[in-house]
N, C-alpha and C. Protein backbone atom coordinates (compact mmCIF):
# COMPACT_ATOMS: atom_id res chain seq x y z
N UNK A 1 50.92 103.03 81.42
CA UNK A 1 49.97 103.34 80.38
C UNK A 1 48.67 102.61 80.72
N UNK A 2 47.53 103.32 80.69
CA UNK A 2 46.27 102.66 81.02
C UNK A 2 45.93 101.60 79.99
N UNK A 3 45.28 100.57 80.48
CA UNK A 3 44.87 99.51 79.56
C UNK A 3 43.67 99.96 78.74
N UNK A 4 43.59 99.43 77.54
CA UNK A 4 42.47 99.76 76.68
C UNK A 4 41.24 98.97 77.14
N UNK A 5 40.16 99.65 77.22
CA UNK A 5 38.92 98.98 77.61
C UNK A 5 38.12 98.63 76.37
N UNK A 6 37.13 97.78 76.58
CA UNK A 6 36.31 97.40 75.42
C UNK A 6 35.42 98.55 74.96
N UNK A 7 35.29 99.60 75.80
CA UNK A 7 34.49 100.77 75.43
C UNK A 7 35.27 101.73 74.54
N UNK A 8 36.57 101.53 74.43
CA UNK A 8 37.41 102.46 73.68
C UNK A 8 37.11 102.37 72.18
N UNK A 9 36.98 103.52 71.61
CA UNK A 9 36.64 103.57 70.19
C UNK A 9 37.89 103.44 69.34
N UNK A 10 37.74 103.07 68.08
CA UNK A 10 38.91 102.98 67.19
C UNK A 10 39.64 104.33 67.08
N UNK A 11 38.92 105.43 67.17
CA UNK A 11 39.56 106.75 67.09
C UNK A 11 40.48 106.96 68.28
N UNK A 12 40.03 106.56 69.47
CA UNK A 12 40.88 106.70 70.66
C UNK A 12 42.12 105.81 70.55
N UNK A 13 41.93 104.61 70.02
CA UNK A 13 43.07 103.70 69.84
C UNK A 13 44.08 104.30 68.86
N UNK A 14 43.58 104.87 67.79
CA UNK A 14 44.47 105.49 66.79
C UNK A 14 45.21 106.68 67.40
N UNK A 15 44.48 107.44 68.22
CA UNK A 15 45.10 108.61 68.86
C UNK A 15 46.23 108.18 69.80
N UNK A 16 45.95 107.15 70.58
CA UNK A 16 46.99 106.63 71.49
C UNK A 16 48.19 106.11 70.71
N UNK A 17 47.92 105.38 69.65
CA UNK A 17 49.00 104.84 68.83
C UNK A 17 49.84 105.97 68.23
N UNK A 18 49.17 107.01 67.73
CA UNK A 18 49.87 108.15 67.14
C UNK A 18 50.73 108.85 68.20
N UNK A 19 50.18 109.04 69.40
CA UNK A 19 50.94 109.66 70.49
C UNK A 19 52.17 108.82 70.84
N UNK A 20 52.00 107.52 70.92
CA UNK A 20 53.11 106.62 71.24
C UNK A 20 54.18 106.68 70.15
N UNK A 21 53.76 106.67 68.90
CA UNK A 21 54.71 106.74 67.79
C UNK A 21 55.47 108.07 67.80
N UNK A 22 54.76 109.16 68.08
CA UNK A 22 55.41 110.48 68.15
C UNK A 22 56.42 110.50 69.29
N UNK A 23 56.01 110.00 70.46
CA UNK A 23 56.92 109.98 71.60
C UNK A 23 58.15 109.13 71.29
N UNK A 24 57.96 107.97 70.69
CA UNK A 24 59.08 107.10 70.34
C UNK A 24 60.04 107.78 69.36
N UNK A 25 59.49 108.50 68.39
CA UNK A 25 60.34 109.21 67.42
C UNK A 25 61.14 110.31 68.11
N UNK A 26 60.50 111.05 69.01
CA UNK A 26 61.19 112.10 69.75
C UNK A 26 62.30 111.49 70.60
N UNK A 27 62.01 110.38 71.25
CA UNK A 27 63.00 109.71 72.10
C UNK A 27 64.17 109.18 71.27
N UNK A 28 63.91 108.60 70.11
CA UNK A 28 64.99 108.13 69.23
C UNK A 28 65.88 109.30 68.81
N UNK A 29 65.27 110.43 68.47
CA UNK A 29 66.04 111.62 68.07
C UNK A 29 66.91 112.11 69.23
N UNK A 30 66.34 112.13 70.44
CA UNK A 30 67.09 112.57 71.62
C UNK A 30 68.28 111.65 71.87
N UNK A 31 68.07 110.35 71.79
CA UNK A 31 69.17 109.39 72.00
C UNK A 31 70.24 109.53 70.92
N UNK A 32 69.80 109.77 69.68
CA UNK A 32 70.76 109.94 68.58
C UNK A 32 71.65 111.15 68.83
N UNK A 33 71.06 112.26 69.31
CA UNK A 33 71.84 113.46 69.61
C UNK A 33 72.81 113.23 70.76
N UNK A 34 72.35 112.53 71.79
CA UNK A 34 73.22 112.23 72.93
C UNK A 34 74.39 111.36 72.48
N UNK A 35 74.11 110.33 71.70
CA UNK A 35 75.18 109.45 71.21
C UNK A 35 76.17 110.20 70.33
N UNK A 36 75.67 111.09 69.47
CA UNK A 36 76.57 111.89 68.62
C UNK A 36 77.46 112.77 69.48
N UNK A 37 76.90 113.37 70.52
CA UNK A 37 77.69 114.21 71.42
C UNK A 37 78.75 113.42 72.15
N UNK A 38 78.40 112.25 72.63
CA UNK A 38 79.38 111.40 73.32
C UNK A 38 80.48 110.98 72.36
N UNK A 39 80.12 110.66 71.12
CA UNK A 39 81.13 110.28 70.13
C UNK A 39 82.07 111.44 69.82
N UNK A 40 81.54 112.67 69.75
CA UNK A 40 82.39 113.85 69.50
C UNK A 40 83.35 114.04 70.67
N UNK A 41 82.88 113.85 71.88
CA UNK A 41 83.76 113.95 73.05
C UNK A 41 84.84 112.87 72.96
N UNK A 42 84.45 111.67 72.56
CA UNK A 42 85.40 110.56 72.43
C UNK A 42 86.51 110.86 71.45
N UNK A 43 86.21 111.64 70.42
CA UNK A 43 87.23 112.00 69.43
C UNK A 43 88.24 113.00 69.99
N UNK A 44 87.86 113.73 71.02
CA UNK A 44 88.73 114.77 71.59
C UNK A 44 89.67 114.26 72.66
N UNK A 45 89.34 113.15 73.30
CA UNK A 45 90.17 112.69 74.40
C UNK A 45 91.23 111.72 73.89
N UNK A 46 92.43 111.82 74.47
CA UNK A 46 93.50 110.92 74.04
C UNK A 46 93.27 109.51 74.60
N UNK A 47 93.32 108.54 73.72
CA UNK A 47 93.22 107.14 74.13
C UNK A 47 93.70 106.27 72.99
N UNK A 48 93.82 105.01 73.27
CA UNK A 48 94.27 104.07 72.24
C UNK A 48 93.16 103.89 71.21
N UNK A 49 93.46 104.11 69.93
CA UNK A 49 92.43 103.92 68.90
C UNK A 49 92.01 102.46 68.76
N UNK A 50 92.80 101.55 69.30
CA UNK A 50 92.47 100.13 69.21
C UNK A 50 91.32 99.76 70.15
N UNK A 51 91.10 100.61 71.15
CA UNK A 51 90.04 100.32 72.11
C UNK A 51 88.67 100.67 71.54
N UNK A 52 87.74 99.77 71.69
CA UNK A 52 86.35 100.08 71.35
C UNK A 52 85.78 100.70 72.61
N UNK A 53 85.45 101.97 72.52
CA UNK A 53 85.03 102.68 73.71
C UNK A 53 83.51 102.65 73.89
N UNK A 54 83.12 102.33 75.10
CA UNK A 54 81.70 102.41 75.45
C UNK A 54 81.40 103.86 75.84
N UNK A 55 80.13 104.19 75.90
CA UNK A 55 79.75 105.55 76.32
C UNK A 55 80.28 105.83 77.71
N UNK A 56 80.16 104.85 78.60
CA UNK A 56 80.63 105.01 79.96
C UNK A 56 82.14 105.28 79.99
N UNK A 57 82.89 104.53 79.18
CA UNK A 57 84.34 104.71 79.13
C UNK A 57 84.70 106.10 78.59
N UNK A 58 84.00 106.54 77.56
CA UNK A 58 84.25 107.86 76.98
C UNK A 58 84.01 108.94 78.02
N UNK A 59 82.89 108.87 78.73
CA UNK A 59 82.57 109.89 79.74
C UNK A 59 83.57 109.86 80.89
N UNK A 60 83.98 108.66 81.31
CA UNK A 60 84.96 108.54 82.39
C UNK A 60 86.31 109.13 81.97
N UNK A 61 86.76 108.79 80.76
CA UNK A 61 88.04 109.32 80.27
C UNK A 61 87.96 110.83 80.06
N UNK A 62 86.82 111.32 79.59
CA UNK A 62 86.65 112.77 79.39
C UNK A 62 86.74 113.49 80.73
N UNK A 63 86.12 112.94 81.76
CA UNK A 63 86.19 113.55 83.09
C UNK A 63 87.64 113.62 83.57
N UNK A 64 88.37 112.50 83.43
CA UNK A 64 89.77 112.47 83.87
C UNK A 64 90.62 113.46 83.07
N UNK A 65 90.39 113.53 81.77
CA UNK A 65 91.15 114.41 80.89
C UNK A 65 90.87 115.88 81.22
N UNK A 66 89.61 116.22 81.39
CA UNK A 66 89.25 117.61 81.72
C UNK A 66 89.82 118.00 83.08
N UNK A 67 89.74 117.08 84.04
CA UNK A 67 90.29 117.34 85.37
C UNK A 67 91.80 117.60 85.29
N UNK A 68 92.51 116.81 84.50
CA UNK A 68 93.95 117.00 84.34
C UNK A 68 94.26 118.32 83.63
N UNK A 69 93.50 118.64 82.59
CA UNK A 69 93.72 119.92 81.90
C UNK A 69 93.49 121.09 82.84
N UNK A 70 92.47 121.00 83.66
CA UNK A 70 92.19 122.07 84.62
C UNK A 70 93.34 122.21 85.62
N UNK A 71 93.85 121.07 86.10
CA UNK A 71 94.98 121.11 87.04
C UNK A 71 96.19 121.77 86.39
N UNK A 72 96.50 121.39 85.14
CA UNK A 72 97.63 121.99 84.42
C UNK A 72 97.41 123.48 84.19
N UNK A 73 96.20 123.85 83.84
CA UNK A 73 95.89 125.26 83.61
C UNK A 73 96.06 126.07 84.89
N UNK A 74 95.56 125.55 86.01
CA UNK A 74 95.72 126.24 87.29
C UNK A 74 97.19 126.39 87.66
N UNK A 75 97.97 125.34 87.40
CA UNK A 75 99.40 125.36 87.70
C UNK A 75 100.11 126.42 86.85
N UNK A 76 99.81 126.47 85.56
CA UNK A 76 100.43 127.47 84.68
C UNK A 76 100.01 128.89 85.08
N UNK A 77 98.76 129.05 85.44
CA UNK A 77 98.28 130.36 85.89
C UNK A 77 99.04 130.81 87.13
N UNK A 78 99.26 129.89 88.06
CA UNK A 78 99.99 130.22 89.28
C UNK A 78 101.43 130.60 88.96
N UNK A 79 102.06 129.88 88.05
CA UNK A 79 103.44 130.20 87.64
C UNK A 79 103.49 131.59 87.03
N UNK A 80 102.53 131.89 86.16
CA UNK A 80 102.50 133.22 85.53
C UNK A 80 102.29 134.32 86.56
N UNK A 81 101.39 134.10 87.51
CA UNK A 81 101.15 135.10 88.56
C UNK A 81 102.40 135.30 89.42
N UNK A 82 103.06 134.19 89.76
CA UNK A 82 104.29 134.29 90.57
C UNK A 82 105.35 135.11 89.84
N UNK A 83 105.51 134.85 88.53
CA UNK A 83 106.50 135.60 87.75
C UNK A 83 106.11 137.07 87.63
N UNK A 84 104.82 137.34 87.44
CA UNK A 84 104.37 138.72 87.34
C UNK A 84 104.65 139.47 88.63
N UNK A 85 104.28 138.86 89.77
CA UNK A 85 104.50 139.53 91.04
C UNK A 85 105.99 139.70 91.33
N UNK A 86 106.80 138.70 90.99
CA UNK A 86 108.25 138.82 91.20
C UNK A 86 108.81 139.98 90.40
N UNK A 87 108.41 140.06 89.13
CA UNK A 87 108.87 141.15 88.26
C UNK A 87 108.38 142.49 88.78
N UNK A 88 107.13 142.54 89.18
CA UNK A 88 106.54 143.78 89.66
C UNK A 88 107.23 144.27 90.93
N UNK A 89 107.51 143.34 91.87
CA UNK A 89 108.19 143.71 93.11
C UNK A 89 109.62 144.16 92.81
N UNK A 90 110.29 143.47 91.87
CA UNK A 90 111.65 143.86 91.49
C UNK A 90 111.64 145.27 90.90
N UNK A 91 110.72 145.53 89.99
CA UNK A 91 110.63 146.86 89.36
C UNK A 91 110.24 147.92 90.37
N UNK A 92 109.41 147.59 91.31
CA UNK A 92 109.03 148.53 92.36
C UNK A 92 110.24 148.88 93.21
N UNK A 93 111.05 147.88 93.53
CA UNK A 93 112.26 148.12 94.31
C UNK A 93 113.24 149.00 93.56
N UNK A 94 113.42 148.77 92.25
CA UNK A 94 114.32 149.59 91.44
C UNK A 94 113.83 151.03 91.38
N UNK A 95 112.55 151.24 91.22
CA UNK A 95 112.02 152.60 91.11
C UNK A 95 112.16 153.33 92.46
N UNK A 96 112.08 152.65 93.56
CA UNK A 96 112.27 153.29 94.87
C UNK A 96 113.73 153.69 95.08
N UNK A 97 114.65 152.87 94.53
CA UNK A 97 116.06 153.18 94.67
C UNK A 97 116.41 154.44 93.90
N UNK A 98 115.71 154.69 92.80
CA UNK A 98 115.99 155.88 91.99
C UNK A 98 115.49 157.15 92.67
N UNK A 99 114.52 157.00 93.55
CA UNK A 99 113.94 158.21 94.19
C UNK A 99 114.80 158.73 95.27
C-alpha cells in the first residue's frame, strides 16, 4: 500500500480508508463462508467427537474418507459388472443350446 504523502487531501484519505474497510469486510465474509464450508465437511466425516478438529485435520480426514469411498464404489461397480457379464454369458450359452 503506498504511503500517504503530506500532499494527500482528507478526501483521498477517507477514500482509502473506505476502500480498506470495504476490502476487509469482503475478506471477513469470504473467510466466514470458507470456515462454514469446512465445518459442514467436518460434520460429514466419521471421527471421534471428542477431538477438536482443526481445519487442516478436517480437510485431511475428508480427503482420506472420500478416497476410501471412491475405492469402495469402484470395487462394488466391478463386482456388479462381473456378475452382469457372468449372467449375460450364461444366458447367451443357454440360448445357443436351444438353437
